[in-house]
């Protein structure tokens, strides 16, 4: 008997190419927005320099990648981090992707409604259509 292996598309849940393109575009846009936020933060500390003329607050890599659940599915983001070379520590808090956020606001608002309308009343089809 011949065993059948799932294709990559079947393992991904049958997602289409358009969704993949949208997800990749969302990743790029989020990365650009996060970089703009970091540049803005670094600009506020640009006048602070040490004796050698180096900036006291600098970009210091990225936090580990994480996925955020969105309306088009999970989108991987990597938030930059900054550090202060001397003096008081400086932390970067993104307004777009705050720490520990795993779902977008629209998805967070939909989940309780889905539960109330879908699971509790047994009308899942009507809840999923919305």
N, C-alpha and C. Protein backbone atom coordinates (compact mmCIF):
# COMPACT_ATOMS: atom_id res chain seq x y z
N UNK A 1 0.83 -1.18 0.00
CA UNK A 1 0.00 0.00 0.00
C UNK A 1 0.87 1.24 0.00
N UNK A 2 0.52 2.19 -0.82
CA UNK A 2 1.30 3.41 -0.97
C UNK A 2 0.81 4.46 0.03
N UNK A 3 1.76 5.08 0.75
CA UNK A 3 1.37 6.13 1.70
C UNK A 3 1.34 7.47 0.98
N UNK A 4 0.42 8.29 1.39
CA UNK A 4 0.26 9.61 0.78
C UNK A 4 0.76 10.67 1.74
N UNK A 5 1.58 11.55 1.26
CA UNK A 5 2.10 12.66 2.07
C UNK A 5 1.37 13.93 1.69
N UNK A 6 1.15 14.77 2.68
CA UNK A 6 0.48 16.05 2.41
C UNK A 6 1.41 16.97 1.64
N UNK A 7 0.84 17.73 0.75
CA UNK A 7 1.63 18.74 0.06
C UNK A 7 1.80 19.93 0.98
N UNK A 8 2.71 20.83 0.62
CA UNK A 8 2.95 22.01 1.44
C UNK A 8 1.70 22.88 1.56
N UNK A 9 0.95 22.99 0.47
CA UNK A 9 -0.26 23.81 0.49
C UNK A 9 -1.33 23.19 1.40
N UNK A 10 -1.44 21.87 1.42
CA UNK A 10 -2.39 21.21 2.31
C UNK A 10 -2.00 21.42 3.77
N UNK A 11 -0.70 21.40 4.08
CA UNK A 11 -0.24 21.60 5.44
C UNK A 11 -0.50 23.03 5.90
N UNK A 12 -0.43 23.99 4.99
CA UNK A 12 -0.69 25.39 5.35
C UNK A 12 -2.17 25.68 5.44
N UNK A 13 -2.99 24.71 5.22
CA UNK A 13 -4.42 24.93 5.32
C UNK A 13 -5.05 25.38 4.02
N UNK A 14 -4.40 25.14 2.91
CA UNK A 14 -4.97 25.49 1.63
C UNK A 14 -4.96 26.98 1.35
N UNK A 15 -4.01 27.73 1.91
CA UNK A 15 -3.95 29.16 1.68
C UNK A 15 -3.59 29.44 0.23
N UNK A 16 -4.15 30.48 -0.28
CA UNK A 16 -3.86 30.82 -1.66
C UNK A 16 -2.66 31.76 -1.75
N UNK A 17 -2.16 31.96 -2.93
CA UNK A 17 -0.98 32.78 -3.16
C UNK A 17 -1.25 34.24 -2.84
N UNK A 18 -2.46 34.71 -3.08
CA UNK A 18 -2.80 36.09 -2.80
C UNK A 18 -2.65 36.40 -1.30
N UNK A 19 -3.09 35.49 -0.46
CA UNK A 19 -2.94 35.67 0.98
C UNK A 19 -1.47 35.73 1.37
N UNK A 20 -0.65 34.90 0.76
CA UNK A 20 0.78 34.92 1.04
C UNK A 20 1.41 36.24 0.63
N UNK A 21 0.99 36.77 -0.51
CA UNK A 21 1.50 38.07 -0.97
C UNK A 21 1.08 39.18 -0.02
N UNK A 22 -0.18 39.13 0.43
CA UNK A 22 -0.67 40.14 1.36
C UNK A 22 0.08 40.06 2.69
N UNK A 23 0.34 38.86 3.16
CA UNK A 23 1.07 38.68 4.41
C UNK A 23 2.50 39.22 4.29
N UNK A 24 3.15 38.93 3.17
CA UNK A 24 4.52 39.43 2.96
C UNK A 24 4.53 40.96 2.89
N UNK A 25 3.52 41.53 2.23
CA UNK A 25 3.41 42.99 2.17
C UNK A 25 3.18 43.59 3.55
N UNK A 26 2.36 42.93 4.34
CA UNK A 26 2.10 43.42 5.71
C UNK A 26 3.37 43.37 6.54
N UNK A 27 4.16 42.32 6.39
CA UNK A 27 5.43 42.22 7.12
C UNK A 27 6.35 43.38 6.76
N UNK A 28 6.45 43.68 5.47
CA UNK A 28 7.33 44.78 5.02
C UNK A 28 6.84 46.12 5.55
N UNK A 29 5.53 46.35 5.49
CA UNK A 29 4.99 47.62 5.98
C UNK A 29 5.19 47.78 7.49
N UNK A 30 4.98 46.71 8.23
CA UNK A 30 5.19 46.78 9.68
C UNK A 30 6.66 47.04 9.98
N UNK A 31 7.56 46.38 9.26
CA UNK A 31 9.00 46.59 9.47
C UNK A 31 9.38 48.04 9.18
N UNK A 32 8.84 48.62 8.11
CA UNK A 32 9.12 50.01 7.78
C UNK A 32 8.58 50.96 8.84
N UNK A 33 7.39 50.68 9.34
CA UNK A 33 6.80 51.53 10.37
C UNK A 33 7.60 51.44 11.67
N UNK A 34 8.04 50.24 12.04
CA UNK A 34 8.85 50.08 13.24
C UNK A 34 10.18 50.80 13.10
N UNK A 35 10.81 50.72 11.93
CA UNK A 35 12.07 51.42 11.70
C UNK A 35 11.86 52.93 11.79
N UNK A 36 10.75 53.43 11.28
CA UNK A 36 10.46 54.86 11.37
C UNK A 36 10.29 55.29 12.83
N UNK A 37 9.64 54.44 13.63
CA UNK A 37 9.48 54.75 15.06
C UNK A 37 10.85 54.80 15.76
N UNK A 38 11.74 53.86 15.43
CA UNK A 38 13.06 53.83 16.05
C UNK A 38 13.88 55.04 15.62
N UNK A 39 13.81 55.40 14.35
CA UNK A 39 14.53 56.57 13.87
C UNK A 39 14.05 57.82 14.60
N UNK A 40 12.74 57.92 14.81
CA UNK A 40 12.19 59.06 15.54
C UNK A 40 12.69 59.10 16.98
N UNK A 41 12.76 57.94 17.63
CA UNK A 41 13.27 57.87 19.00
C UNK A 41 14.74 58.25 19.04
N UNK A 42 15.53 57.71 18.12
CA UNK A 42 16.96 58.03 18.10
C UNK A 42 17.20 59.50 17.81
N UNK A 43 16.32 60.12 17.02
CA UNK A 43 16.46 61.55 16.71
C UNK A 43 16.26 62.40 17.96
N UNK A 44 15.42 61.94 18.89
CA UNK A 44 15.22 62.71 20.13
C UNK A 44 16.47 62.70 21.01
N UNK A 45 17.32 61.67 20.86
CA UNK A 45 18.55 61.57 21.64
C UNK A 45 19.79 61.91 20.80
N UNK A 46 19.61 62.44 19.60
CA UNK A 46 20.74 62.71 18.70
C UNK A 46 21.71 63.73 19.27
N UNK A 47 21.23 64.65 20.08
CA UNK A 47 22.11 65.69 20.62
C UNK A 47 22.96 65.18 21.79
N UNK A 48 22.67 64.01 22.30
CA UNK A 48 23.44 63.44 23.42
C UNK A 48 24.56 62.57 22.87
N UNK A 49 25.80 63.02 23.11
CA UNK A 49 26.97 62.28 22.62
C UNK A 49 27.99 62.14 23.74
N UNK A 50 28.86 61.13 23.61
CA UNK A 50 29.92 60.95 24.60
C UNK A 50 31.14 61.79 24.22
N UNK A 51 32.25 61.59 24.93
CA UNK A 51 33.46 62.39 24.69
C UNK A 51 34.06 62.19 23.30
N UNK A 52 33.88 61.00 22.73
CA UNK A 52 34.42 60.72 21.40
C UNK A 52 33.47 61.15 20.28
N UNK A 53 32.31 61.66 20.62
CA UNK A 53 31.36 62.11 19.61
C UNK A 53 30.39 61.03 19.16
N UNK A 54 30.38 59.89 19.85
CA UNK A 54 29.45 58.80 19.51
C UNK A 54 28.11 59.04 20.20
N UNK A 55 27.06 58.57 19.55
CA UNK A 55 25.72 58.70 20.12
C UNK A 55 25.61 57.87 21.39
N UNK A 56 24.93 58.41 22.40
CA UNK A 56 24.75 57.67 23.65
C UNK A 56 23.64 56.62 23.53
N UNK A 57 22.64 56.89 22.71
CA UNK A 57 21.54 55.94 22.50
C UNK A 57 21.66 55.40 21.08
N UNK A 58 21.74 54.07 20.97
CA UNK A 58 21.98 53.45 19.67
C UNK A 58 21.04 52.27 19.46
N UNK A 59 20.90 51.88 18.20
CA UNK A 59 20.14 50.69 17.84
C UNK A 59 20.95 49.47 18.30
N UNK A 60 20.26 48.51 18.90
CA UNK A 60 20.96 47.37 19.48
C UNK A 60 20.31 46.05 19.06
N UNK A 61 20.13 45.85 17.80
CA UNK A 61 19.57 44.60 17.31
C UNK A 61 18.05 44.58 17.34
N UNK A 62 17.51 43.36 17.46
CA UNK A 62 16.06 43.15 17.45
C UNK A 62 15.67 42.16 18.53
N UNK A 63 14.44 42.29 18.98
CA UNK A 63 13.87 41.28 19.87
C UNK A 63 13.60 40.03 19.04
N UNK A 64 13.41 38.88 19.68
CA UNK A 64 13.08 37.67 18.91
C UNK A 64 11.80 37.87 18.08
N UNK A 65 11.75 37.21 16.95
CA UNK A 65 10.57 37.33 16.10
C UNK A 65 9.36 36.72 16.81
N UNK A 66 8.20 37.27 16.51
CA UNK A 66 6.96 36.73 17.05
C UNK A 66 5.86 36.92 16.02
N UNK A 67 4.83 36.12 16.17
CA UNK A 67 3.71 36.19 15.25
C UNK A 67 2.56 36.95 15.90
N UNK A 68 1.92 37.79 15.09
CA UNK A 68 0.73 38.50 15.53
C UNK A 68 -0.42 38.02 14.66
N UNK A 69 -1.50 37.62 15.28
CA UNK A 69 -2.67 37.16 14.54
C UNK A 69 -3.41 38.37 13.98
N UNK A 70 -3.62 38.36 12.68
CA UNK A 70 -4.34 39.44 12.01
C UNK A 70 -5.51 38.85 11.25
N UNK A 71 -6.24 39.70 10.57
CA UNK A 71 -7.37 39.24 9.77
C UNK A 71 -6.95 38.37 8.60
N UNK A 72 -5.71 38.50 8.13
CA UNK A 72 -5.24 37.68 7.02
C UNK A 72 -4.41 36.50 7.50
N UNK A 73 -4.38 36.29 8.80
CA UNK A 73 -3.61 35.19 9.37
C UNK A 73 -2.41 35.71 10.13
N UNK A 74 -1.54 34.81 10.58
CA UNK A 74 -0.39 35.25 11.36
C UNK A 74 0.63 36.01 10.52
N UNK A 75 1.14 37.11 11.08
CA UNK A 75 2.18 37.91 10.44
C UNK A 75 3.36 37.97 11.40
N UNK A 76 4.54 37.62 10.90
CA UNK A 76 5.75 37.61 11.72
C UNK A 76 6.33 39.02 11.79
N UNK A 77 6.63 39.47 13.01
CA UNK A 77 7.24 40.78 13.20
C UNK A 77 8.49 40.63 14.04
N UNK A 78 9.40 41.58 13.86
CA UNK A 78 10.63 41.62 14.65
C UNK A 78 10.83 43.07 15.08
N UNK A 79 10.66 43.31 16.36
CA UNK A 79 10.72 44.67 16.90
C UNK A 79 12.17 45.02 17.23
N UNK A 80 12.65 46.19 16.75
CA UNK A 80 14.01 46.60 17.08
C UNK A 80 14.14 46.98 18.55
N UNK A 81 15.37 46.98 19.04
CA UNK A 81 15.59 47.45 20.41
C UNK A 81 16.75 48.43 20.41
N UNK A 82 16.74 49.31 21.39
CA UNK A 82 17.79 50.31 21.52
C UNK A 82 18.43 50.17 22.90
N UNK A 83 19.60 50.76 23.03
CA UNK A 83 20.26 50.75 24.33
C UNK A 83 20.99 52.07 24.52
N UNK A 84 21.20 52.39 25.78
CA UNK A 84 21.96 53.57 26.14
C UNK A 84 23.36 53.14 26.53
N UNK A 85 24.35 53.77 25.95
CA UNK A 85 25.73 53.41 26.26
C UNK A 85 26.15 53.88 27.65
N UNK A 86 25.57 54.98 28.06
CA UNK A 86 25.91 55.52 29.38
C UNK A 86 24.66 56.14 29.99
N UNK A 87 24.67 56.23 31.30
CA UNK A 87 23.58 56.93 31.97
C UNK A 87 22.32 56.10 32.11
N UNK A 88 21.19 56.79 32.07
CA UNK A 88 19.89 56.16 32.29
C UNK A 88 19.50 55.24 31.14
N UNK A 89 18.99 54.03 31.42
CA UNK A 89 18.59 53.12 30.35
C UNK A 89 17.44 53.68 29.51
N UNK A 90 17.44 53.36 28.24
CA UNK A 90 16.40 53.79 27.32
C UNK A 90 15.79 52.55 26.71
N UNK A 91 14.47 52.44 26.73
CA UNK A 91 13.79 51.31 26.10
C UNK A 91 12.88 51.83 25.00
N UNK A 92 12.77 51.07 23.96
CA UNK A 92 11.91 51.40 22.84
C UNK A 92 10.59 50.65 22.99
N UNK A 93 9.50 51.38 23.07
CA UNK A 93 8.15 50.81 23.13
C UNK A 93 7.41 51.27 21.89
N UNK A 94 7.13 50.35 21.01
CA UNK A 94 6.43 50.67 19.77
C UNK A 94 4.96 50.93 20.04
N UNK A 95 4.44 51.98 19.42
CA UNK A 95 3.00 52.25 19.50
C UNK A 95 2.24 51.29 18.59
N UNK A 96 2.89 50.85 17.53
CA UNK A 96 2.25 49.94 16.57
C UNK A 96 2.19 48.51 17.10
N UNK A 97 3.28 48.03 17.68
CA UNK A 97 3.36 46.66 18.17
C UNK A 97 3.85 46.70 19.62
N UNK A 98 2.95 46.95 20.57
CA UNK A 98 3.37 46.98 21.98
C UNK A 98 3.86 45.60 22.43
N UNK A 99 4.63 45.57 23.52
CA UNK A 99 5.12 44.28 24.01
C UNK A 99 3.97 43.34 24.36
N UNK A 100 4.17 42.08 24.11
CA UNK A 100 3.25 41.00 24.47
C UNK A 100 1.95 41.00 23.68
N UNK A 101 1.80 41.84 22.67
CA UNK A 101 0.59 41.81 21.84
C UNK A 101 0.71 40.63 20.89
N UNK A 102 -0.31 39.80 20.85
CA UNK A 102 -0.31 38.63 19.98
C UNK A 102 -1.45 38.66 18.96
N UNK A 103 -2.40 39.58 19.14
CA UNK A 103 -3.53 39.67 18.21
C UNK A 103 -3.80 41.14 17.93
N UNK A 104 -4.26 41.43 16.72
CA UNK A 104 -4.64 42.80 16.41
C UNK A 104 -5.94 43.13 17.13
N UNK A 105 -6.21 44.41 17.29
CA UNK A 105 -7.41 44.84 18.01
C UNK A 105 -8.69 44.35 17.34
N UNK A 106 -8.73 44.38 16.01
CA UNK A 106 -9.94 43.94 15.32
C UNK A 106 -10.21 42.46 15.58
N UNK A 107 -9.15 41.67 15.65
CA UNK A 107 -9.32 40.25 15.93
C UNK A 107 -9.71 40.03 17.39
N UNK A 108 -9.12 40.82 18.31
CA UNK A 108 -9.49 40.70 19.72
C UNK A 108 -10.95 41.05 19.94
N UNK A 109 -11.46 42.05 19.21
CA UNK A 109 -12.86 42.44 19.36
C UNK A 109 -13.78 41.38 18.78
N UNK A 110 -13.34 40.68 17.76
CA UNK A 110 -14.19 39.69 17.11
C UNK A 110 -14.32 38.40 17.92
N UNK A 111 -13.28 38.04 18.65
CA UNK A 111 -13.31 36.76 19.36
C UNK A 111 -14.39 36.68 20.44
N UNK A 112 -14.54 37.69 21.32
CA UNK A 112 -15.64 37.58 22.29
C UNK A 112 -17.01 37.55 21.62
N UNK A 113 -17.17 38.34 20.56
CA UNK A 113 -18.45 38.37 19.86
C UNK A 113 -18.72 37.01 19.23
N UNK A 114 -17.70 36.41 18.66
CA UNK A 114 -17.85 35.08 18.08
C UNK A 114 -18.26 34.08 19.15
N UNK A 115 -17.67 34.19 20.32
CA UNK A 115 -18.02 33.27 21.39
C UNK A 115 -19.47 33.46 21.82
N UNK A 116 -19.85 34.70 22.07
CA UNK A 116 -21.20 34.97 22.56
C UNK A 116 -22.25 34.57 21.52
N UNK A 117 -22.04 34.98 20.29
CA UNK A 117 -23.03 34.70 19.26
C UNK A 117 -22.93 33.30 18.70
N UNK A 118 -21.74 32.74 18.68
CA UNK A 118 -21.55 31.45 18.04
C UNK A 118 -21.66 30.27 18.96
N UNK A 119 -20.74 30.17 19.88
CA UNK A 119 -20.70 28.98 20.72
C UNK A 119 -21.85 28.92 21.71
N UNK A 120 -22.16 30.04 22.35
CA UNK A 120 -23.19 29.99 23.39
C UNK A 120 -24.59 29.77 22.82
N UNK A 121 -24.86 30.28 21.62
CA UNK A 121 -26.19 30.11 21.04
C UNK A 121 -26.25 28.97 20.05
N UNK A 122 -25.09 28.45 19.65
CA UNK A 122 -25.07 27.36 18.69
C UNK A 122 -25.23 27.82 17.25
N UNK A 123 -25.16 29.10 17.01
CA UNK A 123 -25.32 29.66 15.66
C UNK A 123 -23.95 30.02 15.08
N UNK A 124 -23.09 29.05 14.93
CA UNK A 124 -21.74 29.31 14.43
C UNK A 124 -21.73 29.80 13.00
N UNK A 125 -22.60 29.29 12.15
CA UNK A 125 -22.60 29.70 10.76
C UNK A 125 -22.89 31.20 10.64
N UNK A 126 -23.86 31.70 11.35
CA UNK A 126 -24.19 33.13 11.29
C UNK A 126 -23.05 33.97 11.85
N UNK A 127 -22.40 33.49 12.91
CA UNK A 127 -21.30 34.24 13.52
C UNK A 127 -20.10 34.28 12.59
N UNK A 128 -19.81 33.19 11.91
CA UNK A 128 -18.67 33.15 11.00
C UNK A 128 -18.89 33.96 9.73
N UNK A 129 -20.12 34.09 9.30
CA UNK A 129 -20.39 34.89 8.11
C UNK A 129 -20.05 36.35 8.32
N UNK A 130 -20.29 36.86 9.52
CA UNK A 130 -19.99 38.25 9.83
C UNK A 130 -18.49 38.43 9.91
